C-alpha atoms as a PDB file:
ATOM      1  CA  UNK A   1     -28.025 110.906-190.882  1.00  0.00           C
ATOM      2  CA  UNK A   2     -24.839 113.025-190.872  1.00  0.00           C
ATOM      3  CA  UNK A   3     -22.283 110.305-191.550  1.00  0.00           C
ATOM      4  CA  UNK A   4     -20.461 110.929-188.360  1.00  0.00           C
ATOM      5  CA  UNK A   5     -18.758 108.039-186.462  1.00  0.00           C
ATOM      6  CA  UNK A   6     -19.967 107.685-182.879  1.00  0.00           C
ATOM      7  CA  UNK A   7     -17.056 105.306-181.975  1.00  0.00           C
ATOM      8  CA  UNK A   8     -13.523 104.748-183.375  1.00  0.00           C
ATOM      9  CA  UNK A   9     -13.824 104.514-187.083  1.00  0.00           C
ATOM     10  CA  UNK A  10     -11.532 101.962-188.964  1.00  0.00           C
ATOM     11  CA  UNK A  11     -12.384 103.446-192.317  1.00  0.00           C
ATOM     12  CA  UNK A  12     -14.175 100.302-193.474  1.00  0.00           C
ATOM     13  CA  UNK A  13     -11.321  97.811-192.784  1.00  0.00           C
ATOM     14  CA  UNK A  14     -13.468  95.624-190.562  1.00  0.00           C
ATOM     15  CA  UNK A  15     -15.997  95.367-193.411  1.00  0.00           C
ATOM     16  CA  UNK A  16     -13.326  93.531-195.397  1.00  0.00           C
ATOM     17  CA  UNK A  17     -13.659  95.950-198.242  1.00  0.00           C
ATOM     18  CA  UNK A  18      -9.938  96.455-198.862  1.00  0.00           C
ATOM     19  CA  UNK A  19      -7.472  93.672-199.424  1.00  0.00           C
ATOM     20  CA  UNK A  20      -3.859  94.097-198.622  1.00  0.00           C
ATOM     21  CA  UNK A  21      -0.743  93.317-200.656  1.00  0.00           C
ATOM     22  CA  UNK A  22       0.724  89.854-200.772  1.00  0.00           C
ATOM     23  CA  UNK A  23       3.750  88.631-198.919  1.00  0.00           C
ATOM     24  CA  UNK A  24       5.586  88.603-202.202  1.00  0.00           C
ATOM     25  CA  UNK A  25       4.698  92.293-202.803  1.00  0.00           C
ATOM     26  CA  UNK A  26       5.850  93.131-199.300  1.00  0.00           C
ATOM     27  CA  UNK A  27       9.230  91.542-200.091  1.00  0.00           C
ATOM     28  CA  UNK A  28       9.476  93.440-203.350  1.00  0.00           C
ATOM     29  CA  UNK A  29       8.920  96.719-201.501  1.00  0.00           C
ATOM     30  CA  UNK A  30      11.500  95.780-198.854  1.00  0.00           C
ATOM     31  CA  UNK A  31      13.972  95.039-201.648  1.00  0.00           C
ATOM     32  CA  UNK A  32      13.219  98.430-203.305  1.00  0.00           C
ATOM     33  CA  UNK A  33      13.606 100.212-199.977  1.00  0.00           C
ATOM     34  CA  UNK A  34      17.053  98.698-199.498  1.00  0.00           C
ATOM     35  CA  UNK A  35      18.104  99.245-203.131  1.00  0.00           C
ATOM     36  CA  UNK A  36      17.020 102.982-203.231  1.00  0.00           C
ATOM     37  CA  UNK A  37      17.655 103.944-199.604  1.00  0.00           C
ATOM     38  CA  UNK A  38      14.105 105.280-199.474  1.00  0.00           C
ATOM     39  CA  UNK A  39      12.481 106.084-196.054  1.00  0.00           C
ATOM     40  CA  UNK A  40       9.945 103.436-195.096  1.00  0.00           C
ATOM     41  CA  UNK A  41       7.962 106.084-193.038  1.00  0.00           C
ATOM     42  CA  UNK A  42       7.672 108.293-196.161  1.00  0.00           C
ATOM     43  CA  UNK A  43       6.415 105.364-198.108  1.00  0.00           C
ATOM     44  CA  UNK A  44       3.804 104.402-195.498  1.00  0.00           C
ATOM     45  CA  UNK A  45       2.589 108.000-195.224  1.00  0.00           C
ATOM     46  CA  UNK A  46       2.292 108.154-199.003  1.00  0.00           C
ATOM     47  CA  UNK A  47       0.114 105.024-199.153  1.00  0.00           C
ATOM     48  CA  UNK A  48      -1.724 105.656-195.891  1.00  0.00           C
ATOM     49  CA  UNK A  49      -0.597 102.468-194.089  1.00  0.00           C
ATOM     50  CA  UNK A  50       0.850 101.692-190.750  1.00  0.00           C
ATOM     51  CA  UNK A  51       3.160  98.907-191.948  1.00  0.00           C
ATOM     52  CA  UNK A  52       4.151  97.351-195.282  1.00  0.00           C
ATOM     53  CA  UNK A  53       1.761  94.413-194.729  1.00  0.00           C
ATOM     54  CA  UNK A  54      -1.072  96.897-194.136  1.00  0.00           C
ATOM     55  CA  UNK A  55      -0.836  98.434-197.546  1.00  0.00           C
ATOM     56  CA  UNK A  56      -4.006  98.131-199.487  1.00  0.00           C
ATOM     57  CA  UNK A  57      -3.708  96.325-202.820  1.00  0.00           C
ATOM     58  CA  UNK A  58      -5.121  99.291-204.643  1.00  0.00           C
ATOM     59  CA  UNK A  59      -2.213 101.414-203.331  1.00  0.00           C
ATOM     60  CA  UNK A  60       0.556  99.124-204.348  1.00  0.00           C
ATOM     61  CA  UNK A  61       1.159 100.869-207.799  1.00  0.00           C
ATOM     62  CA  UNK A  62       1.452 104.240-205.922  1.00  0.00           C
ATOM     63  CA  UNK A  63       4.206 102.603-203.858  1.00  0.00           C
ATOM     64  CA  UNK A  64       5.945 101.266-207.046  1.00  0.00           C
ATOM     65  CA  UNK A  65       5.664 104.701-208.627  1.00  0.00           C
ATOM     66  CA  UNK A  66       7.500 106.325-205.796  1.00  0.00           C
ATOM     67  CA  UNK A  67      10.553 103.972-206.464  1.00  0.00           C
ATOM     68  CA  UNK A  68      10.352 104.597-210.154  1.00  0.00           C
ATOM     69  CA  UNK A  69      10.487 108.274-209.532  1.00  0.00           C
ATOM     70  CA  UNK A  70      13.391 107.884-207.027  1.00  0.00           C
ATOM     71  CA  UNK A  71      15.331 105.674-209.394  1.00  0.00           C
ATOM     72  CA  UNK A  72      14.847 108.219-212.242  1.00  0.00           C
ATOM     73  CA  UNK A  73      16.640 110.909-210.247  1.00  0.00           C
END
């Protein structure tokens, strides 16, 4: 077995392995985006998500760290 996908691969999302952030965490990120003037697309690229609500819970800290660095400038 080579580990190659024969159809469109969803990186395990359908298997339910990765949980996404809560609505409250989404709101926190939206508030931080507004407060810092950060670019939402840059954030989404950083965490590998298509929308804020699609951010995996294990990537939330990465998102928060981006804002911490931005505030520290």
